[in-house]
Amino acid sequence: MKPPKFTYACPRSVEEALALLAHGGDDAKILAGGQSLVPLLNLRMAQVSALVDVNRLSELSFIKRENGALRVGALTRHRQLEISENARTALPLIARAAAEVGHLAIRNRGTVGGSVVHADPAAEWPLVTVTLDAQLVLRSQNNTRTVAARDFFLAPLTTTIEPDEMLCELRFPIVSGDRAVWGFQEFCRRPGDFAIAAVACQLTLDQEGSCTAASLAVGGAHATPLYIGQVENRLRGSRGEGEAITEAAEIAGQMVEPPSDVHGSAEFRRHLVKVLTTRALREAWSK
């Protein structure tokens, strides 16, 4: 079998990269960390007409706390977020989730933007962006638009991004005033594997420890990372009582539509969602 042919370009600016995408058509692909795309190319599961290597675009690698948000460049490596003091103090859930991405070599090479656009429903970054209600900044040659992460994921490996667009920045809102606590739980067969199921949450508590706002999402047990708004309705006003947590876990289990595969049945994943939701919420309140 002859190897597939494609053009390769390594632009030195975002504008040049966007021009190459516009010219490359629907089969042009961005090469960032390459931790997802390169294996797909090797296995002939993906085909490209043009490969746009954006690794020299240092302007897309940053972590900034600004205007009530944590701004993260799409080319920021997983490891950078894992060890970033900025991320840890602003939104500890981000640093915690980053530590669970693959193995160290993958975290040193892979990018947060690449993971989000790849849109594996079991990956950590899609789950975290949905949990924290991140805003995604997408650019094309002639336009810039911002899309809520909760509207970005359509199906496994499918998002609303257009072929000529590039994810340039992620913006995570920072809770101000009241106290924010978080929980992150995932279940996988071996460290570094994709999660069979995962749950992330962020709770806002008042001075008395009562929940004033709650955000919880599930990964790995649905076609997309799933934000479950009904959980907030149940938790608002509670103080981490066992009954409230149990009912929230039941809600999460009812809302997901898990797949069955070699890693576990739908019933198994639904059970995992309930268990992990309970653990994540208890973890959050324990903080």
Protein backbone atom coordinates (compact mmCIF):
# COMPACT_ATOMS: atom_id res chain seq x y z
CA MET A 1 0.00 0.00 0.00
CA LYS A 2 1.38 3.37 -1.00
CA PRO A 3 1.61 5.93 1.81
CA PRO A 4 -0.86 8.82 1.50
CA LYS A 5 0.47 12.08 0.11
CA PHE A 6 -0.13 15.49 1.60
CA THR A 7 1.51 18.88 1.74
CA TYR A 8 3.25 20.09 4.89
CA ALA A 9 3.65 23.66 6.09
CA CYS A 10 5.06 25.19 9.27
CA PRO A 11 3.69 28.74 9.52
CA ARG A 12 5.35 31.38 11.68
CA SER A 13 2.21 33.38 12.54
CA VAL A 14 -1.44 32.70 13.30
CA GLU A 15 -2.43 34.71 10.23
CA GLU A 16 -0.27 32.51 8.01
CA ALA A 17 -1.72 29.36 9.58
CA LEU A 18 -5.28 30.57 8.99
CA ALA A 19 -4.48 31.38 5.37
CA LEU A 20 -3.13 27.86 4.87
CA LEU A 21 -6.27 26.37 6.40
CA ALA A 22 -8.48 28.48 4.14
CA HIS A 23 -6.52 27.33 1.11
CA GLY A 24 -6.27 23.68 2.18
CA GLY A 25 -9.97 22.88 2.10
CA ASP A 26 -11.92 20.40 4.22
CA ASP A 27 -9.07 17.87 4.48
CA ALA A 28 -6.45 20.26 5.84
CA LYS A 29 -5.54 19.45 9.44
CA ILE A 30 -3.66 21.24 12.19
CA LEU A 31 -0.71 19.46 13.79
CA ALA A 32 -0.22 20.65 17.37
CA GLY A 33 0.98 18.09 19.92
CA GLY A 34 0.22 15.26 17.51
CA GLN A 35 -0.75 12.86 20.30
CA SER A 36 -4.10 12.10 18.65
CA LEU A 37 -3.65 12.99 14.99
CA VAL A 38 -0.38 11.17 14.32
CA PRO A 39 -1.62 7.75 15.54
CA LEU A 40 -4.76 8.19 13.43
CA LEU A 41 -2.61 8.95 10.38
CA ASN A 42 -0.35 5.97 11.07
CA LEU A 43 -3.36 3.66 11.27
CA ARG A 44 -4.87 5.17 8.10
CA MET A 45 -7.93 6.16 10.16
CA ALA A 46 -7.54 9.79 9.10
CA GLN A 47 -6.58 11.34 5.77
CA VAL A 48 -5.29 14.83 5.13
CA SER A 49 -4.58 16.85 2.04
CA ALA A 50 -2.49 19.38 3.94
CA LEU A 51 -0.82 19.33 7.35
CA VAL A 52 -0.38 22.70 9.06
CA ASP A 53 2.20 22.42 11.85
CA VAL A 54 1.50 25.19 14.38
CA ASN A 55 4.16 24.27 16.93
CA ARG A 56 6.19 27.43 16.24
CA LEU A 57 3.29 29.70 17.17
CA SER A 58 4.50 30.59 20.66
CA GLU A 59 1.87 33.35 20.80
CA LEU A 60 -0.73 30.60 21.37
CA SER A 61 1.04 29.20 24.45
CA PHE A 62 0.18 31.17 27.58
CA ILE A 63 -1.61 31.03 30.93
CA LYS A 64 -2.93 34.39 32.12
CA ARG A 65 -5.29 35.48 34.86
CA GLU A 66 -7.12 38.50 33.49
CA ASN A 67 -10.51 40.25 33.80
CA GLY A 68 -12.07 37.59 35.99
CA ALA A 69 -10.98 34.68 33.81
CA LEU A 70 -8.10 32.28 33.37
CA ARG A 71 -6.99 32.61 29.75
CA VAL A 72 -5.19 29.62 28.28
CA GLY A 73 -3.61 29.52 24.84
CA ALA A 74 -4.60 26.56 22.72
CA LEU A 75 -0.96 25.47 22.29
CA THR A 76 -0.36 25.31 26.03
CA ARG A 77 0.98 21.86 26.93
CA HIS A 78 -0.79 19.70 29.48
CA ARG A 79 2.27 19.73 31.71
CA GLN A 80 2.37 23.53 31.76
CA LEU A 81 -1.13 23.61 33.23
CA GLU A 82 -0.30 20.82 35.66
CA ILE A 83 2.51 22.84 37.27
CA SER A 84 1.21 26.38 36.69
CA GLU A 85 0.81 28.37 39.91
CA ASN A 86 -1.54 30.68 38.03
CA ALA A 87 -3.85 27.78 37.19
CA ARG A 88 -3.55 26.18 40.60
CA THR A 89 -4.55 29.30 42.52
CA ALA A 90 -7.26 30.45 40.09
CA LEU A 91 -8.91 27.11 39.27
CA PRO A 92 -7.34 24.11 41.05
CA LEU A 93 -9.56 21.71 39.12
CA ILE A 94 -7.57 22.51 35.97
CA ALA A 95 -4.23 21.54 37.50
CA ARG A 96 -5.77 18.42 39.00
CA ALA A 97 -7.25 17.26 35.70
CA ALA A 98 -4.02 18.02 33.83
CA ALA A 99 -2.15 15.57 36.06
CA GLU A 100 -4.46 12.77 34.87
CA VAL A 101 -3.82 13.26 31.14
CA GLY A 102 -1.96 10.23 29.76
CA HIS A 103 1.64 9.76 30.83
CA LEU A 104 4.33 12.37 31.43
CA ALA A 105 5.69 12.16 27.89
CA ILE A 106 2.19 12.80 26.52
CA ARG A 107 1.63 15.69 28.94
CA ASN A 108 4.91 17.27 27.87
CA ARG A 109 3.97 17.14 24.20
CA GLY A 110 0.18 17.24 23.94
CA THR A 111 -1.79 20.50 23.93
CA VAL A 112 -5.00 21.48 25.65
CA GLY A 113 -6.42 22.90 22.40
CA GLY A 114 -5.63 19.75 20.48
CA SER A 115 -7.42 17.62 23.05
CA VAL A 116 -10.50 19.84 23.06
CA VAL A 117 -10.80 19.88 19.26
CA HIS A 118 -10.17 16.13 19.02
CA ALA A 119 -13.25 15.81 21.26
CA ASP A 120 -12.81 12.34 22.67
CA PRO A 121 -15.70 12.10 25.16
CA ALA A 122 -13.45 10.24 27.62
CA ALA A 123 -10.66 12.85 27.62
CA GLU A 124 -10.07 15.17 30.56
CA TRP A 125 -10.03 18.57 28.82
CA PRO A 126 -13.44 18.35 27.13
CA LEU A 127 -14.87 17.37 30.52
CA VAL A 128 -13.16 20.25 32.34
CA THR A 129 -14.17 22.88 29.78
CA VAL A 130 -17.81 21.83 30.07
CA THR A 131 -17.70 21.69 33.87
CA LEU A 132 -16.19 25.17 34.18
CA ASP A 133 -18.32 26.66 31.39
CA ALA A 134 -15.28 27.70 29.35
CA GLN A 135 -15.54 29.94 26.33
CA LEU A 136 -13.59 28.86 23.24
CA VAL A 137 -12.15 31.47 20.88
CA LEU A 138 -12.17 30.24 17.27
CA ARG A 139 -10.50 32.14 14.46
CA SER A 140 -10.63 31.86 10.68
CA GLN A 141 -9.01 34.06 8.08
CA ASN A 142 -11.96 36.46 8.05
CA ASN A 143 -13.70 35.95 11.37
CA THR A 144 -13.34 35.45 15.12
CA ARG A 145 -16.10 33.89 17.19
CA THR A 146 -16.53 32.64 20.74
CA VAL A 147 -18.38 29.40 21.44
CA ALA A 148 -19.41 28.04 24.83
CA ALA A 149 -17.79 24.67 25.52
CA ARG A 150 -21.23 23.33 26.43
CA ASP A 151 -22.33 24.01 22.83
CA PHE A 152 -19.08 22.94 21.15
CA PHE A 153 -19.23 19.13 21.34
CA LEU A 154 -21.74 17.44 19.04
CA ALA A 155 -20.78 13.75 19.02
CA PRO A 156 -17.67 11.61 19.56
CA LEU A 157 -14.77 13.31 17.74
CA THR A 158 -17.20 15.88 16.31
CA THR A 159 -17.49 19.58 17.19
CA THR A 160 -18.85 22.81 15.76
CA ILE A 161 -15.44 23.97 14.52
CA GLU A 162 -15.28 24.70 10.78
CA PRO A 163 -12.51 23.30 8.53
CA ASP A 164 -10.95 26.75 8.10
CA GLU A 165 -11.07 27.60 11.82
CA MET A 166 -8.48 27.17 14.53
CA LEU A 167 -9.03 27.13 18.28
CA CYS A 168 -6.78 29.87 19.62
CA GLU A 169 -7.77 30.41 23.24
CA LEU A 170 -9.79 28.98 26.11
CA ARG A 171 -11.29 31.29 28.74
CA PHE A 172 -12.32 29.85 32.10
CA PRO A 173 -14.42 32.10 34.38
CA ILE A 174 -13.09 32.44 37.92
CA VAL A 175 -15.57 32.44 40.79
CA SER A 176 -15.23 35.61 42.86
CA GLY A 177 -16.66 36.50 46.25
CA ASP A 178 -17.91 33.21 47.70
CA ARG A 179 -15.72 30.15 48.16
CA ALA A 180 -15.32 27.71 45.27
CA VAL A 181 -14.53 24.04 45.93
CA TRP A 182 -14.13 21.23 43.44
CA GLY A 183 -14.02 17.48 42.95
CA PHE A 184 -12.55 15.29 40.23
CA GLN A 185 -12.95 11.52 40.01
CA GLU A 186 -12.25 9.14 37.16
CA PHE A 187 -12.11 5.39 36.73
CA CYS A 188 -9.72 3.75 34.27
CA ARG A 189 -8.13 0.34 34.04
CA ARG A 190 -4.53 1.59 34.22
CA PRO A 191 -2.97 4.98 35.03
CA GLY A 192 -2.74 6.97 31.81
CA ASP A 193 -5.63 5.20 30.08
CA PHE A 194 -8.72 7.06 28.92
CA ALA A 195 -11.42 7.09 31.56
CA ILE A 196 -14.20 4.54 31.39
CA ALA A 197 -16.16 7.18 33.28
CA ALA A 198 -15.21 10.46 34.94
CA VAL A 199 -16.97 13.19 36.89
CA ALA A 200 -15.85 16.75 37.61
CA CYS A 201 -17.65 19.35 39.69
CA GLN A 202 -17.26 22.85 41.05
CA LEU A 203 -19.40 24.17 43.90
CA THR A 204 -19.75 27.71 45.17
CA LEU A 205 -20.34 27.94 48.92
CA ASP A 206 -21.36 30.88 51.07
CA GLN A 207 -19.83 31.68 54.47
CA GLU A 208 -22.10 29.15 56.20
CA GLY A 209 -21.07 26.37 53.79
CA SER A 210 -24.36 26.30 51.89
CA CYS A 211 -24.20 25.69 48.14
CA THR A 212 -25.15 28.75 46.11
CA ALA A 213 -24.14 27.33 42.72
CA ALA A 214 -23.03 23.95 41.39
CA SER A 215 -21.64 22.71 38.10
CA LEU A 216 -21.17 19.01 37.41
CA ALA A 217 -20.30 17.17 34.20
CA VAL A 218 -19.68 13.57 33.18
CA GLY A 219 -17.13 12.21 30.73
CA GLY A 220 -16.69 8.78 29.17
CA ALA A 221 -20.30 7.69 29.76
CA HIS A 222 -22.04 9.71 27.07
CA ALA A 223 -21.49 10.62 23.42
CA THR A 224 -20.11 13.99 24.55
CA PRO A 225 -18.95 15.44 27.86
CA LEU A 226 -22.31 16.07 29.50
CA TYR A 227 -23.14 19.03 31.73
CA ILE A 228 -25.97 18.05 34.08
CA GLY A 229 -27.78 21.21 35.11
CA GLN A 230 -30.38 19.34 37.15
CA VAL A 231 -27.73 18.59 39.75
CA GLU A 232 -27.43 22.29 40.61
CA ASN A 233 -31.16 22.50 41.28
CA ARG A 234 -30.88 19.67 43.80
CA LEU A 235 -27.71 20.88 45.52
CA ARG A 236 -28.49 24.58 45.82
CA GLY A 237 -29.06 25.40 49.48
CA SER A 238 -27.64 22.11 50.76
CA ARG A 239 -24.57 21.72 52.94
CA GLY A 240 -23.28 18.40 51.67
CA GLU A 241 -25.86 16.24 53.40
CA GLY A 242 -25.79 12.59 52.39
CA GLU A 243 -29.34 12.67 51.07
CA ALA A 244 -28.60 15.59 48.72
CA ILE A 245 -25.46 13.94 47.38
CA THR A 246 -27.21 10.61 46.86
CA GLU A 247 -30.06 12.26 44.96
CA ALA A 248 -27.60 14.24 42.83
CA ALA A 249 -25.79 11.01 41.97
CA GLU A 250 -29.08 9.38 40.97
CA ILE A 251 -29.85 12.34 38.70
CA ALA A 252 -26.45 12.06 37.02
CA GLY A 253 -26.92 8.34 36.46
CA GLN A 254 -30.32 8.89 34.88
CA MET A 255 -29.16 11.64 32.51
CA VAL A 256 -26.27 9.81 30.82
CA GLU A 257 -26.69 7.45 27.88
CA PRO A 258 -23.58 5.28 28.17
CA PRO A 259 -22.20 3.09 25.38
CA SER A 260 -21.39 -0.59 25.79
CA ASP A 261 -17.98 -1.75 24.58
CA VAL A 262 -15.09 -4.02 25.52
CA HIS A 263 -14.31 -1.79 28.51
CA GLY A 264 -17.72 -2.05 30.13
CA SER A 265 -21.44 -2.32 29.61
CA ALA A 266 -23.86 0.60 29.64
CA GLU A 267 -25.17 -0.57 33.02
CA PHE A 268 -21.64 -0.68 34.43
CA ARG A 269 -20.88 2.84 33.24
CA ARG A 270 -24.16 4.17 34.60
CA HIS A 271 -23.30 2.67 37.98
CA LEU A 272 -19.83 4.21 37.78
CA VAL A 273 -21.34 7.64 37.13
CA LYS A 274 -23.37 7.39 40.33
CA VAL A 275 -20.37 6.25 42.36
CA LEU A 276 -18.01 8.87 40.92
CA THR A 277 -20.57 11.64 41.33
CA THR A 278 -20.92 10.75 44.99
CA ARG A 279 -17.16 10.73 45.45
CA ALA A 280 -16.60 13.99 43.55
CA LEU A 281 -19.24 15.85 45.56
CA ARG A 282 -17.93 14.50 48.85
CA GLU A 283 -14.42 15.50 47.77
CA ALA A 284 -15.61 19.02 47.01
CA TRP A 285 -17.36 19.49 50.35
CA SER A 286 -14.37 18.01 52.21
CA LYS A 287 -12.33 20.98 51.00
